[in-house]
């Protein structure tokens, strides 16, 4: 039976797939970042469809907003306006195609091997207090240390981009 949820999911999945393929195959790096932004928007749409409003908001704010702006900032600082990707030649193209076929085979194997029935998935999310305690917890299941490590890594990327831009 075709429902509105299935139609919306199909449209979002096609949007994400087309945007991802365009992000990988385009020769212009700024266009690739724009297509990546579209992929992240589509992923947020799937989160909102599953009633995971917190994850959807995080996807929009952090990934679609912050990370994509960081990518574009880095691209504009470190590359000239006319930068194009080089064409793949010889063995690199063959290795890329083999890796693509292998990844597709693994994905198909996993999808066909496991029954993904809707009854296994629960719509909705935990309350914000539980999510906050899990994210800011310092115990075994806390995420404070990875959050701080990623923030230092992003700061180092920004400083590196500025140093590269200043050399010009």
N, C-alpha and C. Protein backbone atom coordinates (compact mmCIF):
# COMPACT_ATOMS: atom_id res chain seq x y z
N UNK A 1 0.85 -1.18 0.00
CA UNK A 1 0.00 0.00 0.00
C UNK A 1 0.89 1.24 0.00
N UNK A 2 0.63 2.15 -0.90
CA UNK A 2 1.41 3.37 -1.00
C UNK A 2 0.81 4.43 -0.09
N UNK A 3 1.65 4.91 0.83
CA UNK A 3 1.21 5.95 1.75
C UNK A 3 1.98 7.24 1.47
N UNK A 4 1.53 8.30 2.11
CA UNK A 4 2.22 9.59 1.94
C UNK A 4 3.64 9.52 2.50
N UNK A 5 3.82 8.80 3.61
CA UNK A 5 5.16 8.62 4.18
C UNK A 5 6.10 7.96 3.18
N UNK A 6 5.62 6.94 2.49
CA UNK A 6 6.44 6.24 1.51
C UNK A 6 6.79 7.16 0.33
N UNK A 7 5.85 7.96 -0.11
CA UNK A 7 6.10 8.89 -1.22
C UNK A 7 7.14 9.93 -0.81
N UNK A 8 6.99 10.50 0.39
CA UNK A 8 7.94 11.51 0.86
C UNK A 8 9.33 10.89 1.03
N UNK A 9 9.39 9.68 1.59
CA UNK A 9 10.68 9.02 1.75
C UNK A 9 11.33 8.75 0.39
N UNK A 10 10.55 8.30 -0.58
CA UNK A 10 11.08 8.01 -1.91
C UNK A 10 11.62 9.27 -2.57
N UNK A 11 10.88 10.37 -2.46
CA UNK A 11 11.34 11.64 -3.04
C UNK A 11 12.63 12.10 -2.36
N UNK A 12 12.68 12.01 -1.02
CA UNK A 12 13.89 12.40 -0.29
C UNK A 12 15.07 11.49 -0.65
N UNK A 13 14.83 10.19 -0.76
CA UNK A 13 15.90 9.26 -1.10
C UNK A 13 16.44 9.54 -2.50
N UNK A 14 15.56 9.80 -3.45
CA UNK A 14 16.01 10.13 -4.81
C UNK A 14 16.78 11.45 -4.82
N UNK A 15 16.30 12.44 -4.07
CA UNK A 15 16.98 13.73 -3.97
C UNK A 15 18.38 13.57 -3.39
N UNK A 16 18.50 12.78 -2.33
CA UNK A 16 19.80 12.55 -1.70
C UNK A 16 20.72 11.79 -2.66
N UNK A 17 20.20 10.78 -3.33
CA UNK A 17 21.02 9.99 -4.25
C UNK A 17 21.53 10.82 -5.41
N UNK A 18 20.65 11.59 -6.03
CA UNK A 18 21.06 12.43 -7.16
C UNK A 18 22.07 13.48 -6.71
N UNK A 19 21.83 14.10 -5.57
CA UNK A 19 22.76 15.12 -5.06
C UNK A 19 24.11 14.51 -4.72
N UNK A 20 24.12 13.32 -4.14
CA UNK A 20 25.38 12.66 -3.80
C UNK A 20 26.18 12.30 -5.05
N UNK A 21 25.49 11.79 -6.06
CA UNK A 21 26.19 11.46 -7.31
C UNK A 21 26.75 12.72 -7.95
N UNK A 22 25.96 13.80 -7.96
CA UNK A 22 26.44 15.06 -8.53
C UNK A 22 27.62 15.62 -7.72
N UNK A 23 27.59 15.45 -6.39
CA UNK A 23 28.69 15.95 -5.56
C UNK A 23 30.00 15.23 -5.88
N UNK A 24 29.90 13.96 -6.21
CA UNK A 24 31.10 13.18 -6.48
C UNK A 24 31.58 13.37 -7.92
N UNK A 25 30.67 13.58 -8.85
CA UNK A 25 31.05 13.60 -10.26
C UNK A 25 31.32 14.99 -10.82
N UNK A 26 30.96 16.06 -10.11
CA UNK A 26 31.19 17.39 -10.66
C UNK A 26 32.68 17.72 -10.65
N UNK A 27 33.08 18.55 -11.57
CA UNK A 27 34.49 18.93 -11.67
C UNK A 27 34.79 20.20 -10.88
N UNK A 28 33.81 20.96 -10.53
CA UNK A 28 33.99 22.19 -9.77
C UNK A 28 33.81 21.91 -8.28
N UNK A 29 34.79 22.31 -7.49
CA UNK A 29 34.78 21.96 -6.07
C UNK A 29 33.71 22.73 -5.30
N UNK A 30 33.41 23.95 -5.69
CA UNK A 30 32.37 24.71 -5.01
C UNK A 30 30.99 24.12 -5.28
N UNK A 31 30.79 23.61 -6.48
CA UNK A 31 29.52 22.93 -6.78
C UNK A 31 29.40 21.64 -5.98
N UNK A 32 30.52 20.95 -5.79
CA UNK A 32 30.50 19.72 -4.98
C UNK A 32 30.06 20.04 -3.55
N UNK A 33 30.55 21.15 -3.01
CA UNK A 33 30.15 21.54 -1.65
C UNK A 33 28.66 21.89 -1.62
N UNK A 34 28.15 22.50 -2.68
CA UNK A 34 26.73 22.84 -2.74
C UNK A 34 25.88 21.57 -2.81
N UNK A 35 26.30 20.61 -3.61
CA UNK A 35 25.56 19.35 -3.67
C UNK A 35 25.63 18.60 -2.34
N UNK A 36 26.76 18.70 -1.64
CA UNK A 36 26.85 18.11 -0.31
C UNK A 36 25.84 18.75 0.63
N UNK A 37 25.67 20.06 0.51
CA UNK A 37 24.66 20.76 1.31
C UNK A 37 23.28 20.19 1.04
N UNK A 38 22.96 19.91 -0.23
CA UNK A 38 21.67 19.33 -0.57
C UNK A 38 21.50 17.94 0.04
N UNK A 39 22.57 17.15 0.05
CA UNK A 39 22.52 15.82 0.68
C UNK A 39 22.21 15.95 2.17
N UNK A 40 22.85 16.90 2.83
CA UNK A 40 22.62 17.09 4.26
C UNK A 40 21.22 17.59 4.55
N UNK A 41 20.67 18.44 3.67
CA UNK A 41 19.28 18.88 3.83
C UNK A 41 18.32 17.69 3.68
N UNK A 42 18.57 16.83 2.71
CA UNK A 42 17.72 15.67 2.51
C UNK A 42 17.77 14.71 3.69
N UNK A 43 18.96 14.54 4.27
CA UNK A 43 19.10 13.70 5.45
C UNK A 43 18.31 14.27 6.62
N UNK A 44 18.34 15.58 6.77
CA UNK A 44 17.54 16.21 7.83
C UNK A 44 16.05 15.98 7.58
N UNK A 45 15.65 16.00 6.31
CA UNK A 45 14.25 15.74 5.98
C UNK A 45 13.82 14.34 6.40
N UNK A 46 14.71 13.37 6.23
CA UNK A 46 14.38 12.00 6.67
C UNK A 46 14.28 11.94 8.19
N UNK A 47 15.16 12.64 8.90
CA UNK A 47 15.06 12.68 10.36
C UNK A 47 13.74 13.29 10.79
N UNK A 48 13.33 14.37 10.16
CA UNK A 48 12.06 15.00 10.52
C UNK A 48 10.88 14.08 10.18
N UNK A 49 10.98 13.32 9.11
CA UNK A 49 9.92 12.39 8.75
C UNK A 49 9.77 11.30 9.80
N UNK A 50 10.87 10.91 10.43
CA UNK A 50 10.83 9.88 11.48
C UNK A 50 10.47 10.46 12.85
N UNK A 51 10.15 11.75 12.89
CA UNK A 51 9.83 12.46 14.14
C UNK A 51 11.04 12.57 15.07
N UNK A 52 12.23 12.56 14.51
CA UNK A 52 13.44 12.82 15.29
C UNK A 52 13.79 14.30 15.11
N UNK A 53 13.01 15.14 15.75
CA UNK A 53 13.17 16.58 15.53
C UNK A 53 14.51 17.09 16.06
N UNK A 54 15.01 16.52 17.15
CA UNK A 54 16.29 16.96 17.68
C UNK A 54 17.42 16.64 16.69
N UNK A 55 17.43 15.41 16.18
CA UNK A 55 18.47 15.04 15.21
C UNK A 55 18.34 15.84 13.92
N UNK A 56 17.11 16.11 13.48
CA UNK A 56 16.92 16.92 12.29
C UNK A 56 17.43 18.33 12.48
N UNK A 57 17.17 18.91 13.65
CA UNK A 57 17.65 20.26 13.94
C UNK A 57 19.17 20.28 14.03
N UNK A 58 19.77 19.28 14.65
CA UNK A 58 21.23 19.19 14.72
C UNK A 58 21.82 19.04 13.33
N UNK A 59 21.18 18.22 12.50
CA UNK A 59 21.66 18.03 11.13
C UNK A 59 21.65 19.36 10.36
N UNK A 60 20.58 20.13 10.52
CA UNK A 60 20.49 21.41 9.82
C UNK A 60 21.48 22.43 10.38
N UNK A 61 21.56 22.53 11.69
CA UNK A 61 22.39 23.57 12.30
C UNK A 61 23.88 23.27 12.17
N UNK A 62 24.27 22.05 12.53
CA UNK A 62 25.70 21.75 12.60
C UNK A 62 26.24 21.34 11.24
N UNK A 63 25.62 20.38 10.61
CA UNK A 63 26.18 19.88 9.36
C UNK A 63 25.82 20.78 8.18
N UNK A 64 24.54 20.98 7.93
CA UNK A 64 24.14 21.78 6.77
C UNK A 64 24.56 23.24 6.95
N UNK A 65 24.55 23.73 8.17
CA UNK A 65 24.95 25.11 8.40
C UNK A 65 26.43 25.27 8.62
N UNK A 66 26.92 24.76 9.74
CA UNK A 66 28.29 25.02 10.15
C UNK A 66 29.35 24.34 9.32
N UNK A 67 29.23 23.06 9.12
CA UNK A 67 30.28 22.32 8.42
C UNK A 67 30.35 22.75 6.95
N UNK A 68 29.20 22.93 6.32
CA UNK A 68 29.21 23.35 4.92
C UNK A 68 29.79 24.74 4.77
N UNK A 69 29.48 25.64 5.69
CA UNK A 69 30.08 26.98 5.66
C UNK A 69 31.60 26.87 5.84
N UNK A 70 32.04 25.98 6.72
CA UNK A 70 33.47 25.77 6.91
C UNK A 70 34.12 25.25 5.63
N UNK A 71 33.47 24.30 4.96
CA UNK A 71 33.99 23.80 3.68
C UNK A 71 34.10 24.92 2.65
N UNK A 72 33.04 25.69 2.50
CA UNK A 72 33.05 26.76 1.50
C UNK A 72 34.11 27.80 1.86
N UNK A 73 34.23 28.13 3.14
CA UNK A 73 35.25 29.08 3.60
C UNK A 73 36.65 28.55 3.26
N UNK A 74 36.88 27.28 3.52
CA UNK A 74 38.18 26.68 3.22
C UNK A 74 38.45 26.64 1.73
N UNK A 75 37.45 26.31 0.95
CA UNK A 75 37.61 26.25 -0.50
C UNK A 75 37.95 27.63 -1.06
N UNK A 76 37.22 28.63 -0.62
CA UNK A 76 37.45 29.98 -1.14
C UNK A 76 38.80 30.53 -0.68
N UNK A 77 39.28 30.11 0.48
CA UNK A 77 40.57 30.59 0.95
C UNK A 77 41.75 29.92 0.25
N UNK A 78 41.59 28.65 -0.07
CA UNK A 78 42.76 27.89 -0.52
C UNK A 78 42.81 27.62 -2.02
N UNK A 79 41.75 27.87 -2.76
CA UNK A 79 41.78 27.55 -4.18
C UNK A 79 41.46 28.78 -5.01
N UNK A 80 41.93 28.76 -6.23
CA UNK A 80 41.58 29.85 -7.13
C UNK A 80 40.20 29.59 -7.71
N UNK A 81 39.63 30.62 -8.30
CA UNK A 81 38.25 30.54 -8.74
C UNK A 81 38.05 29.52 -9.86
N UNK A 82 39.03 29.30 -10.67
CA UNK A 82 38.87 28.41 -11.80
C UNK A 82 39.33 26.99 -11.56
N UNK A 83 39.52 26.58 -10.32
CA UNK A 83 40.01 25.23 -10.04
C UNK A 83 39.02 24.18 -10.53
N UNK A 84 39.53 23.25 -11.25
CA UNK A 84 38.74 22.11 -11.72
C UNK A 84 39.44 20.83 -11.29
N UNK A 85 38.66 19.80 -11.11
CA UNK A 85 39.24 18.50 -10.78
C UNK A 85 39.88 17.91 -12.03
N UNK A 86 40.98 17.21 -11.83
CA UNK A 86 41.63 16.55 -12.96
C UNK A 86 40.86 15.29 -13.33
N UNK A 87 40.96 14.91 -14.60
CA UNK A 87 40.34 13.66 -15.04
C UNK A 87 41.15 12.49 -14.51
N UNK A 88 40.43 11.47 -14.06
CA UNK A 88 41.11 10.26 -13.60
C UNK A 88 41.61 9.48 -14.80
N UNK A 89 42.80 8.98 -14.68
CA UNK A 89 43.40 8.24 -15.78
C UNK A 89 43.87 6.88 -15.30
N UNK A 90 43.81 5.93 -16.21
CA UNK A 90 44.42 4.63 -16.01
C UNK A 90 43.93 3.86 -14.80
N UNK A 91 44.88 3.47 -13.97
CA UNK A 91 44.58 2.58 -12.86
C UNK A 91 43.70 3.23 -11.79
N UNK A 92 43.76 4.56 -11.64
CA UNK A 92 42.92 5.23 -10.64
C UNK A 92 41.44 5.07 -10.97
N UNK A 93 41.11 5.17 -12.24
CA UNK A 93 39.72 5.00 -12.67
C UNK A 93 39.27 3.56 -12.43
N UNK A 94 40.11 2.60 -12.75
CA UNK A 94 39.76 1.19 -12.55
C UNK A 94 39.59 0.88 -11.07
N UNK A 95 40.49 1.37 -10.24
CA UNK A 95 40.39 1.13 -8.80
C UNK A 95 39.12 1.79 -8.24
N UNK A 96 38.80 2.98 -8.71
CA UNK A 96 37.59 3.66 -8.28
C UNK A 96 36.33 2.89 -8.65
N UNK A 97 36.30 2.37 -9.87
CA UNK A 97 35.14 1.58 -10.30
C UNK A 97 35.02 0.28 -9.51
N UNK A 98 36.16 -0.37 -9.24
CA UNK A 98 36.14 -1.60 -8.45
C UNK A 98 35.65 -1.32 -7.03
N UNK A 99 36.12 -0.24 -6.44
CA UNK A 99 35.67 0.12 -5.09
C UNK A 99 34.18 0.45 -5.07
N UNK A 100 33.69 1.11 -6.11
CA UNK A 100 32.27 1.45 -6.20
C UNK A 100 31.42 0.20 -6.30
N UNK A 101 31.82 -0.73 -7.17
CA UNK A 101 31.06 -1.97 -7.34
C UNK A 101 31.11 -2.80 -6.05
N UNK A 102 32.26 -2.84 -5.38
CA UNK A 102 32.37 -3.58 -4.12
C UNK A 102 31.48 -2.97 -3.04
N UNK A 103 31.47 -1.65 -2.92
CA UNK A 103 30.62 -0.99 -1.92
C UNK A 103 29.14 -1.22 -2.23
N UNK A 104 28.77 -1.16 -3.50
CA UNK A 104 27.39 -1.43 -3.90
C UNK A 104 27.02 -2.86 -3.58
N UNK A 105 27.92 -3.80 -3.83
CA UNK A 105 27.67 -5.20 -3.51
C UNK A 105 27.47 -5.42 -2.02
N UNK A 106 28.30 -4.79 -1.20
CA UNK A 106 28.16 -4.92 0.26
C UNK A 106 26.83 -4.35 0.73
N UNK A 107 26.47 -3.18 0.20
CA UNK A 107 25.19 -2.56 0.59
C UNK A 107 24.01 -3.45 0.19
N UNK A 108 24.04 -3.96 -1.03
CA UNK A 108 22.95 -4.84 -1.47
C UNK A 108 22.90 -6.12 -0.65
N UNK A 109 24.05 -6.69 -0.32
CA UNK A 109 24.09 -7.90 0.50
C UNK A 109 23.45 -7.64 1.87
N UNK A 110 23.81 -6.53 2.49
CA UNK A 110 23.25 -6.21 3.82
C UNK A 110 21.75 -5.95 3.73
N UNK A 111 21.33 -5.24 2.68
CA UNK A 111 19.91 -4.93 2.55
C UNK A 111 19.07 -6.17 2.27
N UNK A 112 19.60 -7.10 1.48
CA UNK A 112 18.84 -8.30 1.15
C UNK A 112 18.93 -9.36 2.24
N UNK A 113 19.99 -9.34 3.03
CA UNK A 113 20.19 -10.34 4.08
C UNK A 113 19.31 -10.07 5.30
N UNK A 114 19.10 -8.79 5.63
CA UNK A 114 18.36 -8.42 6.83
C UNK A 114 16.95 -7.96 6.49
N UNK A 115 15.97 -8.44 7.26
CA UNK A 115 14.61 -7.96 7.02
C UNK A 115 14.38 -6.61 7.73
N UNK A 116 14.19 -5.59 6.95
CA UNK A 116 13.92 -4.27 7.52
C UNK A 116 12.42 -4.03 7.50
N UNK A 117 11.77 -4.49 8.55
CA UNK A 117 10.32 -4.32 8.62
C UNK A 117 10.01 -3.10 9.47
N UNK A 118 8.96 -2.37 9.12
CA UNK A 118 8.64 -1.14 9.86
C UNK A 118 8.36 -1.36 11.34
N UNK A 119 7.95 -2.58 11.74
CA UNK A 119 7.64 -2.81 13.15
C UNK A 119 8.88 -2.76 14.03
N UNK A 120 10.09 -2.88 13.44
CA UNK A 120 11.31 -2.83 14.23
C UNK A 120 11.72 -1.41 14.59
N UNK A 121 11.16 -0.42 13.92
CA UNK A 121 11.54 0.96 14.15
C UNK A 121 10.47 1.70 14.94
N UNK A 122 10.91 2.43 15.94
CA UNK A 122 9.98 3.23 16.73
C UNK A 122 10.13 4.69 16.32
N UNK A 123 9.01 5.31 16.00
CA UNK A 123 9.04 6.72 15.67
C UNK A 123 9.08 7.52 16.97
N UNK A 124 9.70 8.67 16.91
CA UNK A 124 9.78 9.53 18.08
C UNK A 124 11.18 9.56 18.63
N UNK A 125 11.34 10.29 19.71
CA UNK A 125 12.67 10.44 20.28
C UNK A 125 12.58 10.53 21.80
N UNK A 126 13.74 10.52 22.41
CA UNK A 126 13.82 10.68 23.86
C UNK A 126 13.58 12.13 24.22
N UNK A 127 13.31 12.36 25.51
CA UNK A 127 13.14 13.75 25.91
C UNK A 127 14.50 14.46 25.90
N UNK A 128 14.46 15.78 25.83
CA UNK A 128 15.67 16.59 25.66
C UNK A 128 16.61 16.44 26.85
N UNK A 129 16.09 16.26 28.03
CA UNK A 129 16.94 16.11 29.22
C UNK A 129 17.82 14.86 29.11
N UNK A 130 17.24 13.74 28.67
CA UNK A 130 18.00 12.51 28.51
C UNK A 130 19.08 12.67 27.44
N UNK A 131 18.73 13.32 26.33
CA UNK A 131 19.69 13.56 25.27
C UNK A 131 20.82 14.46 25.77
N UNK A 132 20.48 15.52 26.51
CA UNK A 132 21.48 16.43 27.06
C UNK A 132 22.43 15.75 28.02
N UNK A 133 21.90 14.90 28.89
CA UNK A 133 22.77 14.18 29.83
C UNK A 133 23.68 13.20 29.09
N UNK A 134 23.17 12.59 28.01
CA UNK A 134 24.01 11.67 27.23
C UNK A 134 25.11 12.42 26.49
N UNK A 135 24.79 13.58 25.94
CA UNK A 135 25.78 14.34 25.17
C UNK A 135 26.84 14.97 26.07
N UNK A 136 26.46 15.47 27.22
CA UNK A 136 27.39 16.18 28.08
C UNK A 136 27.91 15.33 29.23
N UNK A 137 27.60 14.05 29.21
CA UNK A 137 28.09 13.16 30.26
C UNK A 137 29.57 12.86 30.10
N UNK A 138 30.24 12.69 31.23
CA UNK A 138 31.67 12.37 31.20
C UNK A 138 31.94 10.90 31.48
N UNK A 139 30.89 10.13 31.66
CA UNK A 139 31.06 8.72 31.96
C UNK A 139 31.33 7.89 30.73
N UNK A 140 31.00 6.60 30.85
CA UNK A 140 31.27 5.65 29.77
C UNK A 140 30.53 6.01 28.48
N UNK A 141 29.30 6.45 28.58
CA UNK A 141 28.50 6.75 27.39
C UNK A 141 28.43 8.24 27.09
N UNK A 142 29.29 9.05 27.70
CA UNK A 142 29.27 10.49 27.47
C UNK A 142 30.03 10.88 26.22
N UNK A 143 29.68 12.06 25.70
CA UNK A 143 30.28 12.53 24.47
C UNK A 143 31.04 13.84 24.62
N UNK A 144 31.41 14.22 25.85
CA UNK A 144 32.14 15.48 26.04
C UNK A 144 33.52 15.42 25.41
N UNK A 145 34.26 14.34 25.65
CA UNK A 145 35.62 14.24 25.10
C UNK A 145 35.64 14.24 23.57
N UNK A 146 34.82 13.43 22.88
CA UNK A 146 34.82 13.51 21.41
C UNK A 146 34.41 14.89 20.90
N UNK A 147 33.47 15.53 21.59
CA UNK A 147 33.04 16.87 21.19
C UNK A 147 34.20 17.86 21.27
N UNK A 148 34.97 17.79 22.33
CA UNK A 148 36.11 18.70 22.49
C UNK A 148 37.21 18.40 21.49
N UNK A 149 37.45 17.12 21.21
CA UNK A 149 38.47 16.76 20.23
C UNK A 149 38.09 17.28 18.84
N UNK A 150 36.83 17.13 18.47
CA UNK A 150 36.37 17.62 17.16
C UNK A 150 36.45 19.13 17.10
N UNK A 151 36.14 19.82 18.19
CA UNK A 151 36.23 21.28 18.17
C UNK A 151 37.67 21.75 18.00
N UNK A 152 38.61 21.06 18.62
CA UNK A 152 40.03 21.41 18.44
C UNK A 152 40.47 21.12 17.00
N UNK A 153 40.00 20.00 16.44
CA UNK A 153 40.33 19.68 15.05
C UNK A 153 39.79 20.75 14.09
N UNK A 154 38.55 21.17 14.28
CA UNK A 154 37.98 22.21 13.41
C UNK A 154 38.72 23.54 13.58
N UNK A 155 39.12 23.87 14.80
CA UNK A 155 39.88 25.09 15.02
C UNK A 155 41.23 25.02 14.31
N UNK A 156 41.87 23.86 14.36
CA UNK A 156 43.15 23.68 13.66
C UNK A 156 42.97 23.81 12.15
N UNK A 157 41.85 23.30 11.62
CA UNK A 157 41.57 23.44 10.18
C UNK A 157 41.39 24.90 9.79
N UNK A 158 40.69 25.66 10.60
CA UNK A 158 40.49 27.07 10.31
C UNK A 158 41.81 27.82 10.34
N UNK A 159 42.62 27.58 11.37
CA UNK A 159 43.92 28.25 11.47
C UNK A 159 44.81 27.84 10.30
N UNK A 160 44.80 26.57 9.92
CA UNK A 160 45.58 26.11 8.77
C UNK A 160 45.13 26.78 7.48
N UNK A 161 43.84 26.93 7.28
CA UNK A 161 43.32 27.61 6.10
C UNK A 161 43.73 29.07 6.05
N UNK A 162 43.72 29.72 7.19
CA UNK A 162 44.14 31.12 7.25
C UNK A 162 45.64 31.24 6.97
N UNK A 163 46.43 30.32 7.50
CA UNK A 163 47.88 30.36 7.26
C UNK A 163 48.19 30.12 5.77
N UNK A 164 47.47 29.22 5.13
CA UNK A 164 47.68 28.99 3.71
C UNK A 164 47.29 30.23 2.91
N UNK A 165 46.20 30.87 3.30
CA UNK A 165 45.75 32.06 2.58
C UNK A 165 46.71 33.22 2.78
N UNK A 166 47.34 33.32 3.93
CA UNK A 166 48.26 34.44 4.19
C UNK A 166 49.56 34.31 3.41
N UNK A 167 49.95 33.08 3.03
CA UNK A 167 51.18 32.89 2.27
C UNK A 167 51.08 33.53 0.90
N UNK A 168 49.87 33.68 0.37
CA UNK A 168 49.69 34.31 -0.94
C UNK A 168 49.86 35.78 -0.76
